[in-house]
């Protein structure tokens, strides 16, 4: 499960980087930046929901305080 979280995090960073690249290269001529940012938001929500699910099923634990 840790590998899945790391892969999602790396995918989020790649999507953010590609959005920055498209912003610089396209100069507002296409929608590739918007699609890339939409993918980043979707991946972030998936990661957040997975983390909440893992806490709920007690796969990962809080610090106990």
PDB file of N, CA and C in Angstrom:
ATOM      1  N   UNK A   1       0.804  -1.189   0.000  1.00  0.00           N
ATOM      2  CA  UNK A   1       0.000   0.000   0.000  1.00  0.00           C
ATOM      3  C   UNK A   1       0.853   1.261   0.000  1.00  0.00           C
ATOM      4  N   UNK A   2       2.030   1.180   0.638  1.00  0.00           N
ATOM      5  CA  UNK A   2       2.914   2.337   0.634  1.00  0.00           C
ATOM      6  C   UNK A   2       3.374   2.658  -0.784  1.00  0.00           C
ATOM      7  N   UNK A   3       3.594   1.612  -1.566  1.00  0.00           N
ATOM      8  CA  UNK A   3       4.025   1.818  -2.944  1.00  0.00           C
ATOM      9  C   UNK A   3       2.937   2.518  -3.743  1.00  0.00           C
ATOM     10  N   UNK A   4       1.680   2.166  -3.504  1.00  0.00           N
ATOM     11  CA  UNK A   4       0.566   2.827  -4.190  1.00  0.00           C
ATOM     12  C   UNK A   4       0.509   4.308  -3.832  1.00  0.00           C
ATOM     13  N   UNK A   5       0.697   4.633  -2.576  1.00  0.00           N
ATOM     14  CA  UNK A   5       0.683   6.037  -2.145  1.00  0.00           C
ATOM     15  C   UNK A   5       1.844   6.806  -2.775  1.00  0.00           C
ATOM     16  N   UNK A   6       3.006   6.188  -2.840  1.00  0.00           N
ATOM     17  CA  UNK A   6       4.171   6.837  -3.450  1.00  0.00           C
ATOM     18  C   UNK A   6       3.956   7.032  -4.944  1.00  0.00           C
ATOM     19  N   UNK A   7       3.400   6.037  -5.606  1.00  0.00           N
ATOM     20  CA  UNK A   7       3.126   6.168  -7.038  1.00  0.00           C
ATOM     21  C   UNK A   7       2.105   7.266  -7.313  1.00  0.00           C
ATOM     22  N   UNK A   8       1.079   7.352  -6.486  1.00  0.00           N
ATOM     23  CA  UNK A   8       0.097   8.429  -6.645  1.00  0.00           C
ATOM     24  C   UNK A   8       0.739   9.796  -6.420  1.00  0.00           C
ATOM     25  N   UNK A   9       1.590   9.898  -5.419  1.00  0.00           N
ATOM     26  CA  UNK A   9       2.260  11.162  -5.147  1.00  0.00           C
ATOM     27  C   UNK A   9       3.169  11.557  -6.311  1.00  0.00           C
ATOM     28  N   UNK A  10       3.899  10.611  -6.857  1.00  0.00           N
ATOM     29  CA  UNK A  10       4.756  10.897  -8.011  1.00  0.00           C
ATOM     30  C   UNK A  10       3.926  11.286  -9.235  1.00  0.00           C
ATOM     31  N   UNK A  11       2.774  10.653  -9.406  1.00  0.00           N
ATOM     32  CA  UNK A  11       1.885  11.010 -10.517  1.00  0.00           C
ATOM     33  C   UNK A  11       1.346  12.427 -10.348  1.00  0.00           C
ATOM     34  N   UNK A  12       1.045  12.804  -9.120  1.00  0.00           N
ATOM     35  CA  UNK A  12       0.573  14.156  -8.840  1.00  0.00           C
ATOM     36  C   UNK A  12       1.662  15.174  -9.185  1.00  0.00           C
ATOM     37  N   UNK A  13       2.889  14.892  -8.777  1.00  0.00           N
ATOM     38  CA  UNK A  13       3.988  15.804  -9.083  1.00  0.00           C
ATOM     39  C   UNK A  13       4.254  15.893 -10.582  1.00  0.00           C
ATOM     40  N   UNK A  14       4.162  14.758 -11.287  1.00  0.00           N
ATOM     41  CA  UNK A  14       4.350  14.767 -12.736  1.00  0.00           C
ATOM     42  C   UNK A  14       3.264  15.591 -13.416  1.00  0.00           C
ATOM     43  N   UNK A  15       2.038  15.447 -12.974  1.00  0.00           N
ATOM     44  CA  UNK A  15       0.931  16.204 -13.551  1.00  0.00           C
ATOM     45  C   UNK A  15       1.111  17.699 -13.313  1.00  0.00           C
ATOM     46  N   UNK A  16       1.573  18.069 -12.140  1.00  0.00           N
ATOM     47  CA  UNK A  16       1.819  19.467 -11.841  1.00  0.00           C
ATOM     48  C   UNK A  16       2.944  20.021 -12.719  1.00  0.00           C
ATOM     49  N   UNK A  17       3.990  19.233 -12.892  1.00  0.00           N
ATOM     50  CA  UNK A  17       5.096  19.654 -13.754  1.00  0.00           C
ATOM     51  C   UNK A  17       4.679  19.793 -15.204  1.00  0.00           C
ATOM     52  N   UNK A  18       3.861  18.868 -15.683  1.00  0.00           N
ATOM     53  CA  UNK A  18       3.417  18.956 -17.077  1.00  0.00           C
ATOM     54  C   UNK A  18       2.486  20.150 -17.267  1.00  0.00           C
ATOM     55  N   UNK A  19       1.681  20.481 -16.266  1.00  0.00           N
ATOM     56  CA  UNK A  19       0.826  21.668 -16.359  1.00  0.00           C
ATOM     57  C   UNK A  19       1.685  22.929 -16.457  1.00  0.00           C
ATOM     58  N   UNK A  20       2.754  22.985 -15.692  1.00  0.00           N
ATOM     59  CA  UNK A  20       3.664  24.126 -15.771  1.00  0.00           C
ATOM     60  C   UNK A  20       4.314  24.208 -17.148  1.00  0.00           C
ATOM     61  N   UNK A  21       4.732  23.066 -17.673  1.00  0.00           N
ATOM     62  CA  UNK A  21       5.340  23.036 -19.007  1.00  0.00           C
ATOM     63  C   UNK A  21       4.352  23.511 -20.066  1.00  0.00           C
ATOM     64  N   UNK A  22       3.124  23.020 -20.002  1.00  0.00           N
ATOM     65  CA  UNK A  22       2.119  23.424 -20.983  1.00  0.00           C
ATOM     66  C   UNK A  22       1.775  24.909 -20.845  1.00  0.00           C
ATOM     67  N   UNK A  23       1.807  25.421 -19.611  1.00  0.00           N
ATOM     68  CA  UNK A  23       1.532  26.836 -19.408  1.00  0.00           C
ATOM     69  C   UNK A  23       2.596  27.690 -20.102  1.00  0.00           C
ATOM     70  N   UNK A  24       3.843  27.255 -20.011  1.00  0.00           N
ATOM     71  CA  UNK A  24       4.926  28.019 -20.622  1.00  0.00           C
ATOM     72  C   UNK A  24       4.968  27.837 -22.142  1.00  0.00           C
ATOM     73  N   UNK A  25       4.698  26.641 -22.615  1.00  0.00           N
ATOM     74  CA  UNK A  25       4.867  26.346 -24.043  1.00  0.00           C
ATOM     75  C   UNK A  25       3.667  26.791 -24.871  1.00  0.00           C
ATOM     76  N   UNK A  26       2.456  26.549 -24.407  1.00  0.00           N
ATOM     77  CA  UNK A  26       1.263  26.782 -25.221  1.00  0.00           C
ATOM     78  C   UNK A  26       0.835  28.244 -25.268  1.00  0.00           C
ATOM     79  N   UNK A  27       1.202  29.039 -24.294  1.00  0.00           N
ATOM     80  CA  UNK A  27       0.849  30.456 -24.257  1.00  0.00           C
ATOM     81  C   UNK A  27      -0.663  30.683 -24.361  1.00  0.00           C
ATOM     82  N   UNK A  28      -1.458  29.782 -23.777  1.00  0.00           N
ATOM     83  CA  UNK A  28      -2.907  29.941 -23.760  1.00  0.00           C
ATOM     84  C   UNK A  28      -3.617  29.471 -25.014  1.00  0.00           C
ATOM     85  N   UNK A  29      -2.940  28.713 -25.878  1.00  0.00           N
ATOM     86  CA  UNK A  29      -3.540  28.275 -27.137  1.00  0.00           C
ATOM     87  C   UNK A  29      -4.279  26.947 -27.050  1.00  0.00           C
ATOM     88  N   UNK A  30      -4.097  26.200 -25.968  1.00  0.00           N
ATOM     89  CA  UNK A  30      -4.761  24.895 -25.883  1.00  0.00           C
ATOM     90  C   UNK A  30      -5.266  24.660 -24.459  1.00  0.00           C
ATOM     91  N   UNK A  31      -5.933  23.533 -24.280  1.00  0.00           N
ATOM     92  CA  UNK A  31      -6.493  23.204 -22.966  1.00  0.00           C
ATOM     93  C   UNK A  31      -5.676  22.126 -22.255  1.00  0.00           C
ATOM     94  N   UNK A  32      -4.466  21.875 -22.714  1.00  0.00           N
ATOM     95  CA  UNK A  32      -3.660  20.816 -22.090  1.00  0.00           C
ATOM     96  C   UNK A  32      -3.327  21.132 -20.638  1.00  0.00           C
ATOM     97  N   UNK A  33      -3.101  22.403 -20.318  1.00  0.00           N
ATOM     98  CA  UNK A  33      -2.789  22.768 -18.939  1.00  0.00           C
ATOM     99  C   UNK A  33      -3.991  22.491 -18.033  1.00  0.00           C
ATOM    100  N   UNK A  34      -5.177  22.844 -18.484  1.00  0.00           N
ATOM    101  CA  UNK A  34      -6.384  22.618 -17.681  1.00  0.00           C
ATOM    102  C   UNK A  34      -6.607  21.126 -17.461  1.00  0.00           C
ATOM    103  N   UNK A  35      -6.410  20.331 -18.495  1.00  0.00           N
ATOM    104  CA  UNK A  35      -6.566  18.873 -18.362  1.00  0.00           C
ATOM    105  C   UNK A  35      -5.549  18.304 -17.386  1.00  0.00           C
ATOM    106  N   UNK A  36      -4.327  18.808 -17.440  1.00  0.00           N
ATOM    107  CA  UNK A  36      -3.288  18.326 -16.541  1.00  0.00           C
ATOM    108  C   UNK A  36      -3.596  18.698 -15.091  1.00  0.00           C
ATOM    109  N   UNK A  37      -4.076  19.914 -14.863  1.00  0.00           N
ATOM    110  CA  UNK A  37      -4.430  20.323 -13.499  1.00  0.00           C
ATOM    111  C   UNK A  37      -5.654  19.571 -12.993  1.00  0.00           C
ATOM    112  N   UNK A  38      -6.591  19.275 -13.896  1.00  0.00           N
ATOM    113  CA  UNK A  38      -7.756  18.474 -13.508  1.00  0.00           C
ATOM    114  C   UNK A  38      -7.319  17.074 -13.085  1.00  0.00           C
ATOM    115  N   UNK A  39      -6.363  16.509 -13.806  1.00  0.00           N
ATOM    116  CA  UNK A  39      -5.836  15.189 -13.443  1.00  0.00           C
ATOM    117  C   UNK A  39      -5.143  15.251 -12.086  1.00  0.00           C
ATOM    118  N   UNK A  40      -4.426  16.337 -11.818  1.00  0.00           N
ATOM    119  CA  UNK A  40      -3.741  16.481 -10.528  1.00  0.00           C
ATOM    120  C   UNK A  40      -4.747  16.536  -9.389  1.00  0.00           C
ATOM    121  N   UNK A  41      -5.815  17.281  -9.570  1.00  0.00           N
ATOM    122  CA  UNK A  41      -6.837  17.375  -8.525  1.00  0.00           C
ATOM    123  C   UNK A  41      -7.496  16.020  -8.304  1.00  0.00           C
ATOM    124  N   UNK A  42      -7.788  15.313  -9.392  1.00  0.00           N
ATOM    125  CA  UNK A  42      -8.406  13.985  -9.279  1.00  0.00           C
ATOM    126  C   UNK A  42      -7.491  13.021  -8.534  1.00  0.00           C
ATOM    127  N   UNK A  43      -6.209  13.005  -8.894  1.00  0.00           N
ATOM    128  CA  UNK A  43      -5.258  12.118  -8.214  1.00  0.00           C
ATOM    129  C   UNK A  43      -5.112  12.490  -6.743  1.00  0.00           C
ATOM    130  N   UNK A  44      -5.130  13.770  -6.442  1.00  0.00           N
ATOM    131  CA  UNK A  44      -5.029  14.205  -5.048  1.00  0.00           C
ATOM    132  C   UNK A  44      -6.234  13.749  -4.240  1.00  0.00           C
ATOM    133  N   UNK A  45      -7.411  13.851  -4.826  1.00  0.00           N
ATOM    134  CA  UNK A  45      -8.615  13.380  -4.132  1.00  0.00           C
ATOM    135  C   UNK A  45      -8.590  11.870  -3.924  1.00  0.00           C
ATOM    136  N   UNK A  46      -8.133  11.137  -4.925  1.00  0.00           N
ATOM    137  CA  UNK A  46      -8.025   9.677  -4.795  1.00  0.00           C
ATOM    138  C   UNK A  46      -7.062   9.324  -3.669  1.00  0.00           C
ATOM    139  N   UNK A  47      -5.915   9.992  -3.612  1.00  0.00           N
ATOM    140  CA  UNK A  47      -4.945   9.724  -2.550  1.00  0.00           C
ATOM    141  C   UNK A  47      -5.534  10.066  -1.178  1.00  0.00           C
ATOM    142  N   UNK A  48      -6.233  11.193  -1.072  1.00  0.00           N
ATOM    143  CA  UNK A  48      -6.841  11.585   0.196  1.00  0.00           C
ATOM    144  C   UNK A  48      -7.880  10.561   0.646  1.00  0.00           C
ATOM    145  N   UNK A  49      -8.727  10.124  -0.276  1.00  0.00           N
ATOM    146  CA  UNK A  49      -9.763   9.146   0.064  1.00  0.00           C
ATOM    147  C   UNK A  49      -9.137   7.816   0.471  1.00  0.00           C
ATOM    148  N   UNK A  50      -8.091   7.400  -0.239  1.00  0.00           N
ATOM    149  CA  UNK A  50      -7.399   6.160   0.141  1.00  0.00           C
ATOM    150  C   UNK A  50      -6.791   6.264   1.535  1.00  0.00           C
ATOM    151  N   UNK A  51      -6.177   7.398   1.839  1.00  0.00           N
ATOM    152  CA  UNK A  51      -5.573   7.564   3.165  1.00  0.00           C
ATOM    153  C   UNK A  51      -6.652   7.529   4.257  1.00  0.00           C
ATOM    154  N   UNK A  52      -7.786   8.178   3.998  1.00  0.00           N
ATOM    155  CA  UNK A  52      -8.871   8.141   4.974  1.00  0.00           C
ATOM    156  C   UNK A  52      -9.414   6.721   5.138  1.00  0.00           C
ATOM    157  N   UNK A  53      -9.525   5.989   4.046  1.00  0.00           N
ATOM    158  CA  UNK A  53      -9.981   4.601   4.100  1.00  0.00           C
ATOM    159  C   UNK A  53      -8.991   3.739   4.873  1.00  0.00           C
ATOM    160  N   UNK A  54      -7.700   3.946   4.655  1.00  0.00           N
ATOM    161  CA  UNK A  54      -6.681   3.170   5.361  1.00  0.00           C
ATOM    162  C   UNK A  54      -6.719   3.457   6.861  1.00  0.00           C
ATOM    163  N   UNK A  55      -6.990   4.691   7.238  1.00  0.00           N
ATOM    164  CA  UNK A  55      -7.127   5.013   8.661  1.00  0.00           C
ATOM    165  C   UNK A  55      -8.379   4.337   9.214  1.00  0.00           C
ATOM    166  N   UNK A  56      -9.461   4.359   8.451  1.00  0.00           N
ATOM    167  CA  UNK A  56     -10.723   3.760   8.910  1.00  0.00           C
ATOM    168  C   UNK A  56     -10.578   2.259   9.146  1.00  0.00           C
ATOM    169  N   UNK A  57      -9.903   1.544   8.254  1.00  0.00           N
ATOM    170  CA  UNK A  57      -9.734   0.100   8.416  1.00  0.00           C
ATOM    171  C   UNK A  57      -8.510  -0.229   9.261  1.00  0.00           C
ATOM    172  N   UNK A  58      -7.893   0.810   9.818  1.00  0.00           N
ATOM    173  CA  UNK A  58      -6.736   0.688  10.720  1.00  0.00           C
ATOM    174  C   UNK A  58      -5.525   0.040  10.054  1.00  0.00           C
ATOM    175  N   UNK A  59      -5.353   0.310   8.756  1.00  0.00           N
ATOM    176  CA  UNK A  59      -4.120  -0.123   8.105  1.00  0.00           C
ATOM    177  C   UNK A  59      -2.972   0.794   8.498  1.00  0.00           C
ATOM    178  N   UNK A  60      -3.263   2.089   8.626  1.00  0.00           N
ATOM    179  CA  UNK A  60      -2.303   3.035   9.162  1.00  0.00           C
ATOM    180  C   UNK A  60      -2.910   3.662  10.405  1.00  0.00           C
ATOM    181  N   UNK A  61      -2.059   4.103  11.320  1.00  0.00           N
ATOM    182  CA  UNK A  61      -2.532   4.626  12.588  1.00  0.00           C
ATOM    183  C   UNK A  61      -2.016   6.038  12.782  1.00  0.00           C
ATOM    184  N   UNK A  62      -2.773   6.801  13.531  1.00  0.00           N
ATOM    185  CA  UNK A  62      -2.324   8.140  13.915  1.00  0.00           C
ATOM    186  C   UNK A  62      -1.256   8.032  14.981  1.00  0.00           C
ATOM    187  N   UNK A  63      -0.835   9.177  15.510  1.00  0.00           N
ATOM    188  CA  UNK A  63       0.221   9.142  16.526  1.00  0.00           C
ATOM    189  C   UNK A  63      -0.317   8.812  17.919  1.00  0.00           C
ATOM    190  N   UNK A  64      -1.620   8.702  18.086  1.00  0.00           N
ATOM    191  CA  UNK A  64      -2.189   8.266  19.354  1.00  0.00           C
ATOM    192  C   UNK A  64      -2.378   9.362  20.384  1.00  0.00           C
ATOM    193  N   UNK A  65      -2.098  10.590  20.040  1.00  0.00           N
ATOM    194  CA  UNK A  65      -2.284  11.692  20.996  1.00  0.00           C
ATOM    195  C   UNK A  65      -3.666  12.257  20.878  1.00  0.00           C
TER     196      UNK A  65
END
